[in-house]
Amino acid sequence: MFGTTGSRIGLAAGAVTAALGLTLTTAGSAAAVTEKNGLLTNYEMGFYYNSNQAGCVFDIFYGDSNFGNDVFKGSCAGSGQSVNNNTASYHNMDYVTWNVYTGVDYSGTIGYIPAGYVGNASATFKNTISSARPQ
């Protein structure tokens, strides 16, 4: 649906501006989203180390084609562990559906996580997710 980074940033900035009733003068507002810092915020997709959204969270905004290059951050269960094939639950705080894949480069079995969804990974996806991106 939103194929380019510019579209996602523009829509995120527009949504923030509309919610605050302000006039947008630059696209700088969307830059407030800081992915991969271990803090899940609006417009991000979060993958948790443990079930029931427990332990460290891996938060992404743009998508990631290879979780093998990432580790969980923070002072929490899973800190320093690879995100690849190591997520048990998720929280989609984005306004779009996210696709998750069991293989790198958006390959393997595909699953869909709707906007706003919070839950545990199914048996197919628990500790097998290797990449994800917004639809």
N, C-alpha and C. Protein backbone atom coordinates (compact mmCIF):
# COMPACT_ATOMS: atom_id res chain seq x y z
N MET A 1 0.82 -1.18 0.00
CA MET A 1 0.00 0.00 0.00
C MET A 1 0.87 1.26 0.00
N PHE A 2 1.87 1.32 0.89
CA PHE A 2 2.77 2.46 0.95
C PHE A 2 4.15 1.95 0.60
N GLY A 3 4.51 2.03 -0.67
CA GLY A 3 5.71 1.39 -1.17
C GLY A 3 7.00 2.14 -0.94
N THR A 4 6.96 3.39 -0.59
CA THR A 4 8.21 4.13 -0.48
C THR A 4 8.38 4.69 0.92
N THR A 5 9.61 4.86 1.29
CA THR A 5 9.93 5.44 2.58
C THR A 5 9.34 6.84 2.69
N GLY A 6 9.43 7.60 1.63
CA GLY A 6 8.88 8.96 1.64
C GLY A 6 7.40 8.97 1.94
N SER A 7 6.66 8.04 1.37
CA SER A 7 5.23 7.95 1.63
C SER A 7 4.96 7.67 3.09
N ARG A 8 5.71 6.72 3.69
CA ARG A 8 5.51 6.37 5.10
C ARG A 8 5.84 7.56 6.00
N ILE A 9 6.93 8.25 5.70
CA ILE A 9 7.31 9.40 6.51
C ILE A 9 6.26 10.50 6.36
N GLY A 10 5.85 10.75 5.15
CA GLY A 10 4.85 11.79 4.90
C GLY A 10 3.54 11.49 5.58
N LEU A 11 3.08 10.25 5.52
CA LEU A 11 1.84 9.88 6.17
C LEU A 11 1.96 9.93 7.67
N ALA A 12 3.09 9.49 8.22
CA ALA A 12 3.30 9.55 9.66
C ALA A 12 3.30 11.01 10.13
N ALA A 13 4.00 11.86 9.41
CA ALA A 13 4.04 13.28 9.77
C ALA A 13 2.66 13.90 9.66
N GLY A 14 1.94 13.54 8.63
CA GLY A 14 0.59 14.07 8.44
C GLY A 14 -0.35 13.64 9.54
N ALA A 15 -0.25 12.39 9.97
CA ALA A 15 -1.11 11.88 11.04
C ALA A 15 -0.80 12.58 12.36
N VAL A 16 0.48 12.78 12.65
CA VAL A 16 0.87 13.47 13.87
C VAL A 16 0.37 14.91 13.83
N THR A 17 0.54 15.56 12.70
CA THR A 17 0.11 16.94 12.55
C THR A 17 -1.40 17.06 12.70
N ALA A 18 -2.14 16.18 12.06
CA ALA A 18 -3.60 16.23 12.15
C ALA A 18 -4.06 16.01 13.58
N ALA A 19 -3.43 15.07 14.28
CA ALA A 19 -3.81 14.78 15.66
C ALA A 19 -3.54 15.97 16.58
N LEU A 20 -2.52 16.72 16.31
CA LEU A 20 -2.16 17.85 17.16
C LEU A 20 -2.80 19.16 16.71
N GLY A 21 -3.42 19.15 15.53
CA GLY A 21 -4.04 20.36 15.02
C GLY A 21 -3.03 21.43 14.64
N LEU A 22 -1.84 21.05 14.22
CA LEU A 22 -0.79 21.99 13.88
C LEU A 22 -0.62 22.08 12.37
N THR A 23 0.06 23.11 11.94
CA THR A 23 0.41 23.25 10.53
C THR A 23 1.78 22.67 10.31
N LEU A 24 1.90 21.76 9.34
CA LEU A 24 3.18 21.14 9.04
C LEU A 24 4.00 22.06 8.15
N THR A 25 5.21 22.36 8.60
CA THR A 25 6.08 23.20 7.79
C THR A 25 7.24 22.42 7.20
N THR A 26 7.62 21.32 7.85
CA THR A 26 8.67 20.45 7.32
C THR A 26 8.29 19.01 7.61
N ALA A 27 8.98 18.09 6.97
CA ALA A 27 8.74 16.66 7.21
C ALA A 27 9.53 16.16 8.41
N GLY A 28 10.11 17.04 9.19
CA GLY A 28 10.93 16.66 10.32
C GLY A 28 10.20 15.94 11.42
N SER A 29 8.89 16.10 11.55
CA SER A 29 8.13 15.46 12.61
C SER A 29 8.23 13.95 12.56
N ALA A 30 8.23 13.34 11.39
CA ALA A 30 8.30 11.90 11.27
C ALA A 30 9.65 11.36 11.72
N ALA A 31 10.65 12.20 11.73
CA ALA A 31 11.98 11.76 12.15
C ALA A 31 12.00 11.40 13.64
N ALA A 32 10.94 11.74 14.38
CA ALA A 32 10.87 11.43 15.80
C ALA A 32 10.81 9.92 16.03
N VAL A 33 10.41 9.14 15.04
CA VAL A 33 10.40 7.69 15.15
C VAL A 33 11.84 7.20 15.05
N THR A 34 12.31 6.55 16.10
CA THR A 34 13.66 6.02 16.12
C THR A 34 13.57 4.51 16.25
N GLU A 35 13.78 3.81 15.15
CA GLU A 35 13.68 2.36 15.18
C GLU A 35 14.93 1.71 15.74
N LYS A 36 14.78 0.47 16.13
CA LYS A 36 15.88 -0.38 16.60
C LYS A 36 16.58 0.15 17.85
N ASN A 37 15.82 0.84 18.70
CA ASN A 37 16.41 1.35 19.93
C ASN A 37 15.88 0.64 21.18
N GLY A 38 15.03 -0.37 20.99
CA GLY A 38 14.50 -1.12 22.12
C GLY A 38 13.30 -0.47 22.79
N LEU A 39 12.76 0.59 22.18
CA LEU A 39 11.58 1.27 22.70
C LEU A 39 10.51 1.31 21.62
N LEU A 40 9.40 0.64 21.84
CA LEU A 40 8.33 0.58 20.85
C LEU A 40 7.45 1.82 20.96
N THR A 41 7.30 2.53 19.84
CA THR A 41 6.49 3.74 19.80
C THR A 41 5.48 3.66 18.65
N ASN A 42 4.60 4.65 18.58
CA ASN A 42 3.63 4.71 17.50
C ASN A 42 4.32 4.61 16.15
N TYR A 43 3.65 3.96 15.21
CA TYR A 43 4.10 3.76 13.83
C TYR A 43 5.19 2.71 13.69
N GLU A 44 5.49 1.96 14.76
CA GLU A 44 6.50 0.92 14.69
C GLU A 44 5.87 -0.46 14.86
N MET A 45 6.60 -1.47 14.41
CA MET A 45 6.26 -2.87 14.62
C MET A 45 7.23 -3.41 15.65
N GLY A 46 6.72 -4.08 16.67
CA GLY A 46 7.58 -4.60 17.72
C GLY A 46 7.57 -6.12 17.80
N PHE A 47 8.76 -6.70 17.88
CA PHE A 47 8.94 -8.14 18.03
C PHE A 47 9.57 -8.39 19.40
N TYR A 48 8.93 -9.21 20.22
CA TYR A 48 9.39 -9.44 21.58
C TYR A 48 10.13 -10.76 21.72
N TYR A 49 11.12 -10.76 22.59
CA TYR A 49 11.92 -11.94 22.86
C TYR A 49 11.08 -13.07 23.49
N ASN A 50 10.15 -12.72 24.37
CA ASN A 50 9.32 -13.72 25.06
C ASN A 50 7.85 -13.59 24.66
N SER A 51 7.08 -14.59 25.02
CA SER A 51 5.63 -14.57 24.80
C SER A 51 5.00 -13.47 25.65
N ASN A 52 3.79 -13.11 25.30
CA ASN A 52 3.00 -12.11 26.03
C ASN A 52 3.68 -10.75 26.12
N GLN A 53 4.40 -10.37 25.07
CA GLN A 53 5.07 -9.09 24.96
C GLN A 53 6.01 -8.83 26.15
N ALA A 54 6.74 -9.87 26.52
CA ALA A 54 7.69 -9.77 27.64
C ALA A 54 9.12 -9.83 27.10
N GLY A 55 10.03 -9.37 27.91
CA GLY A 55 11.44 -9.34 27.51
C GLY A 55 11.71 -8.16 26.60
N CYS A 56 12.86 -8.17 25.98
CA CYS A 56 13.26 -7.07 25.09
C CYS A 56 12.38 -7.03 23.85
N VAL A 57 12.29 -5.83 23.27
CA VAL A 57 11.52 -5.64 22.04
C VAL A 57 12.46 -5.12 20.95
N PHE A 58 12.27 -5.66 19.75
CA PHE A 58 12.96 -5.18 18.55
C PHE A 58 11.94 -4.35 17.78
N ASP A 59 12.17 -3.06 17.68
CA ASP A 59 11.21 -2.12 17.09
C ASP A 59 11.70 -1.64 15.73
N ILE A 60 10.84 -1.78 14.72
CA ILE A 60 11.22 -1.33 13.37
C ILE A 60 10.11 -0.48 12.75
N PHE A 61 10.53 0.40 11.88
CA PHE A 61 9.62 1.33 11.19
C PHE A 61 9.59 1.06 9.69
N TYR A 62 10.74 0.87 9.08
CA TYR A 62 10.86 0.72 7.64
C TYR A 62 10.77 -0.72 7.17
N GLY A 63 11.02 -1.68 8.04
CA GLY A 63 11.16 -3.07 7.66
C GLY A 63 12.62 -3.47 7.74
N ASP A 64 12.86 -4.78 7.71
CA ASP A 64 14.22 -5.29 7.83
C ASP A 64 14.28 -6.62 7.08
N SER A 65 15.17 -6.72 6.12
CA SER A 65 15.25 -7.92 5.28
C SER A 65 16.09 -9.04 5.90
N ASN A 66 16.75 -8.76 7.04
CA ASN A 66 17.59 -9.79 7.65
C ASN A 66 17.75 -9.50 9.14
N PHE A 67 16.95 -10.17 9.96
CA PHE A 67 17.04 -9.99 11.41
C PHE A 67 18.36 -10.51 11.97
N GLY A 68 19.12 -11.27 11.19
CA GLY A 68 20.40 -11.80 11.63
C GLY A 68 21.44 -10.73 11.91
N ASN A 69 21.19 -9.52 11.43
CA ASN A 69 22.10 -8.39 11.65
C ASN A 69 21.71 -7.56 12.86
N ASP A 70 20.71 -8.02 13.63
CA ASP A 70 20.17 -7.22 14.73
C ASP A 70 20.16 -7.99 16.04
N VAL A 71 20.26 -7.25 17.15
CA VAL A 71 20.17 -7.84 18.48
C VAL A 71 19.14 -7.07 19.30
N PHE A 72 18.57 -7.75 20.30
CA PHE A 72 17.66 -7.09 21.23
C PHE A 72 18.47 -6.16 22.13
N LYS A 73 17.92 -4.98 22.41
CA LYS A 73 18.62 -3.97 23.21
C LYS A 73 17.85 -3.69 24.49
N GLY A 74 18.57 -3.29 25.52
CA GLY A 74 17.96 -2.88 26.77
C GLY A 74 18.38 -3.75 27.94
N SER A 75 17.82 -3.46 29.08
CA SER A 75 18.06 -4.23 30.31
C SER A 75 16.85 -5.12 30.53
N CYS A 76 16.77 -6.19 29.75
CA CYS A 76 15.59 -7.04 29.76
C CYS A 76 15.98 -8.44 29.29
N ALA A 77 15.07 -9.39 29.47
CA ALA A 77 15.32 -10.76 29.02
C ALA A 77 15.56 -10.75 27.51
N GLY A 78 16.66 -11.35 27.09
CA GLY A 78 16.99 -11.42 25.67
C GLY A 78 17.99 -10.37 25.22
N SER A 79 18.36 -9.46 26.08
CA SER A 79 19.28 -8.39 25.71
C SER A 79 20.57 -8.98 25.14
N GLY A 80 20.97 -8.50 23.96
CA GLY A 80 22.18 -8.96 23.30
C GLY A 80 21.99 -10.18 22.43
N GLN A 81 20.83 -10.81 22.51
CA GLN A 81 20.54 -11.99 21.69
C GLN A 81 20.15 -11.56 20.28
N SER A 82 20.44 -12.40 19.31
CA SER A 82 20.03 -12.14 17.93
C SER A 82 18.50 -12.12 17.83
N VAL A 83 17.98 -11.23 17.02
CA VAL A 83 16.55 -11.16 16.77
C VAL A 83 16.12 -12.29 15.82
N ASN A 84 17.03 -12.71 14.95
CA ASN A 84 16.73 -13.73 13.96
C ASN A 84 16.29 -15.04 14.62
N ASN A 85 15.13 -15.54 14.21
CA ASN A 85 14.59 -16.80 14.73
C ASN A 85 14.53 -16.80 16.25
N ASN A 86 14.17 -15.64 16.85
CA ASN A 86 14.22 -15.51 18.29
C ASN A 86 13.13 -14.59 18.82
N THR A 87 11.96 -14.58 18.16
CA THR A 87 10.85 -13.74 18.63
C THR A 87 9.63 -14.61 18.92
N ALA A 88 8.98 -14.32 20.03
CA ALA A 88 7.85 -15.14 20.47
C ALA A 88 6.51 -14.41 20.45
N SER A 89 6.54 -13.07 20.42
CA SER A 89 5.29 -12.31 20.38
C SER A 89 5.54 -10.97 19.70
N TYR A 90 4.43 -10.24 19.44
CA TYR A 90 4.58 -8.97 18.74
C TYR A 90 3.46 -8.00 19.07
N HIS A 91 3.72 -6.75 18.72
CA HIS A 91 2.74 -5.67 18.88
C HIS A 91 2.91 -4.74 17.69
N ASN A 92 1.87 -4.65 16.87
CA ASN A 92 1.90 -3.77 15.70
C ASN A 92 1.30 -2.42 16.09
N MET A 93 2.15 -1.44 16.33
CA MET A 93 1.69 -0.09 16.67
C MET A 93 1.65 0.81 15.44
N ASP A 94 1.72 0.20 14.27
CA ASP A 94 1.66 0.91 13.00
C ASP A 94 0.20 1.01 12.55
N TYR A 95 -0.04 1.77 11.50
CA TYR A 95 -1.38 1.94 10.94
C TYR A 95 -1.58 1.07 9.70
N VAL A 96 -0.62 0.22 9.40
CA VAL A 96 -0.70 -0.69 8.26
C VAL A 96 -0.40 -2.11 8.73
N THR A 97 -0.83 -3.09 7.93
CA THR A 97 -0.50 -4.48 8.17
C THR A 97 0.97 -4.72 7.86
N TRP A 98 1.61 -5.57 8.64
CA TRP A 98 3.00 -5.95 8.41
C TRP A 98 3.04 -7.39 7.95
N ASN A 99 3.94 -7.68 7.02
CA ASN A 99 4.22 -9.04 6.58
C ASN A 99 5.44 -9.53 7.34
N VAL A 100 5.38 -10.76 7.85
CA VAL A 100 6.54 -11.39 8.49
C VAL A 100 6.91 -12.63 7.70
N TYR A 101 8.19 -12.95 7.67
CA TYR A 101 8.70 -14.05 6.85
C TYR A 101 9.63 -14.92 7.67
N THR A 102 9.62 -16.22 7.39
CA THR A 102 10.51 -17.15 8.08
C THR A 102 11.90 -17.18 7.45
N GLY A 103 12.07 -16.55 6.31
CA GLY A 103 13.38 -16.49 5.64
C GLY A 103 13.87 -15.06 5.51
N VAL A 104 15.17 -14.90 5.30
CA VAL A 104 15.73 -13.58 5.05
C VAL A 104 15.30 -13.10 3.67
N ASP A 105 15.47 -11.82 3.43
CA ASP A 105 15.11 -11.20 2.15
C ASP A 105 13.65 -11.44 1.78
N TYR A 106 12.79 -11.44 2.80
CA TYR A 106 11.34 -11.56 2.60
C TYR A 106 10.97 -12.84 1.87
N SER A 107 11.54 -13.95 2.34
CA SER A 107 11.29 -15.25 1.72
C SER A 107 10.74 -16.21 2.78
N GLY A 108 10.42 -17.42 2.35
CA GLY A 108 9.90 -18.43 3.26
C GLY A 108 8.41 -18.27 3.47
N THR A 109 7.93 -18.81 4.55
CA THR A 109 6.51 -18.72 4.89
C THR A 109 6.18 -17.29 5.27
N ILE A 110 5.05 -16.79 4.77
CA ILE A 110 4.63 -15.41 5.05
C ILE A 110 3.44 -15.39 5.99
N GLY A 111 3.46 -14.45 6.91
CA GLY A 111 2.34 -14.21 7.81
C GLY A 111 1.98 -12.74 7.79
N TYR A 112 0.79 -12.41 8.30
CA TYR A 112 0.30 -11.03 8.27
C TYR A 112 -0.09 -10.60 9.68
N ILE A 113 0.37 -9.44 10.08
CA ILE A 113 0.04 -8.89 11.39
C ILE A 113 -0.70 -7.57 11.17
N PRO A 114 -2.01 -7.56 11.42
CA PRO A 114 -2.81 -6.36 11.16
C PRO A 114 -2.43 -5.18 12.05
N ALA A 115 -2.76 -3.99 11.61
CA ALA A 115 -2.53 -2.77 12.38
C ALA A 115 -3.17 -2.92 13.76
N GLY A 116 -2.42 -2.55 14.78
CA GLY A 116 -2.94 -2.57 16.14
C GLY A 116 -2.93 -3.93 16.83
N TYR A 117 -2.54 -4.98 16.13
CA TYR A 117 -2.59 -6.33 16.70
C TYR A 117 -1.53 -6.55 17.76
N VAL A 118 -1.91 -7.22 18.84
CA VAL A 118 -1.01 -7.62 19.91
C VAL A 118 -1.24 -9.11 20.15
N GLY A 119 -0.19 -9.91 20.15
CA GLY A 119 -0.39 -11.33 20.40
C GLY A 119 0.89 -12.12 20.36
N ASN A 120 0.72 -13.42 20.63
CA ASN A 120 1.83 -14.36 20.58
C ASN A 120 1.94 -14.94 19.18
N ALA A 121 3.15 -15.27 18.78
CA ALA A 121 3.37 -15.89 17.49
C ALA A 121 2.77 -17.30 17.49
N SER A 122 2.23 -17.70 16.36
CA SER A 122 1.69 -19.06 16.22
C SER A 122 2.86 -20.05 16.18
N ALA A 123 2.54 -21.33 16.22
CA ALA A 123 3.58 -22.36 16.16
C ALA A 123 4.42 -22.22 14.90
N THR A 124 3.82 -21.77 13.81
CA THR A 124 4.55 -21.60 12.55
C THR A 124 5.61 -20.51 12.64
N PHE A 125 5.33 -19.45 13.41
CA PHE A 125 6.21 -18.28 13.42
C PHE A 125 7.01 -18.08 14.71
N LYS A 126 6.65 -18.79 15.78
CA LYS A 126 7.39 -18.61 17.04
C LYS A 126 8.84 -19.01 16.85
N ASN A 127 9.72 -18.07 17.09
CA ASN A 127 11.18 -18.26 16.98
C ASN A 127 11.62 -18.69 15.58
N THR A 128 10.90 -18.24 14.55
CA THR A 128 11.29 -18.54 13.16
C THR A 128 11.26 -17.31 12.25
N ILE A 129 10.93 -16.14 12.77
CA ILE A 129 10.83 -14.94 11.93
C ILE A 129 12.22 -14.40 11.63
N SER A 130 12.50 -14.16 10.34
CA SER A 130 13.83 -13.68 9.92
C SER A 130 13.79 -12.36 9.18
N SER A 131 12.60 -11.88 8.78
CA SER A 131 12.48 -10.58 8.11
C SER A 131 11.04 -10.12 8.18
N ALA A 132 10.84 -8.82 8.01
CA ALA A 132 9.49 -8.24 8.06
C ALA A 132 9.47 -6.91 7.35
N ARG A 133 8.29 -6.54 6.83
CA ARG A 133 8.12 -5.22 6.20
C ARG A 133 6.64 -4.85 6.19
N PRO A 134 6.38 -3.54 6.14
CA PRO A 134 4.98 -3.10 6.05
C PRO A 134 4.43 -3.38 4.66
N GLN A 135 3.13 -3.61 4.60
CA GLN A 135 2.48 -3.83 3.30
C GLN A 135 2.39 -2.53 2.55
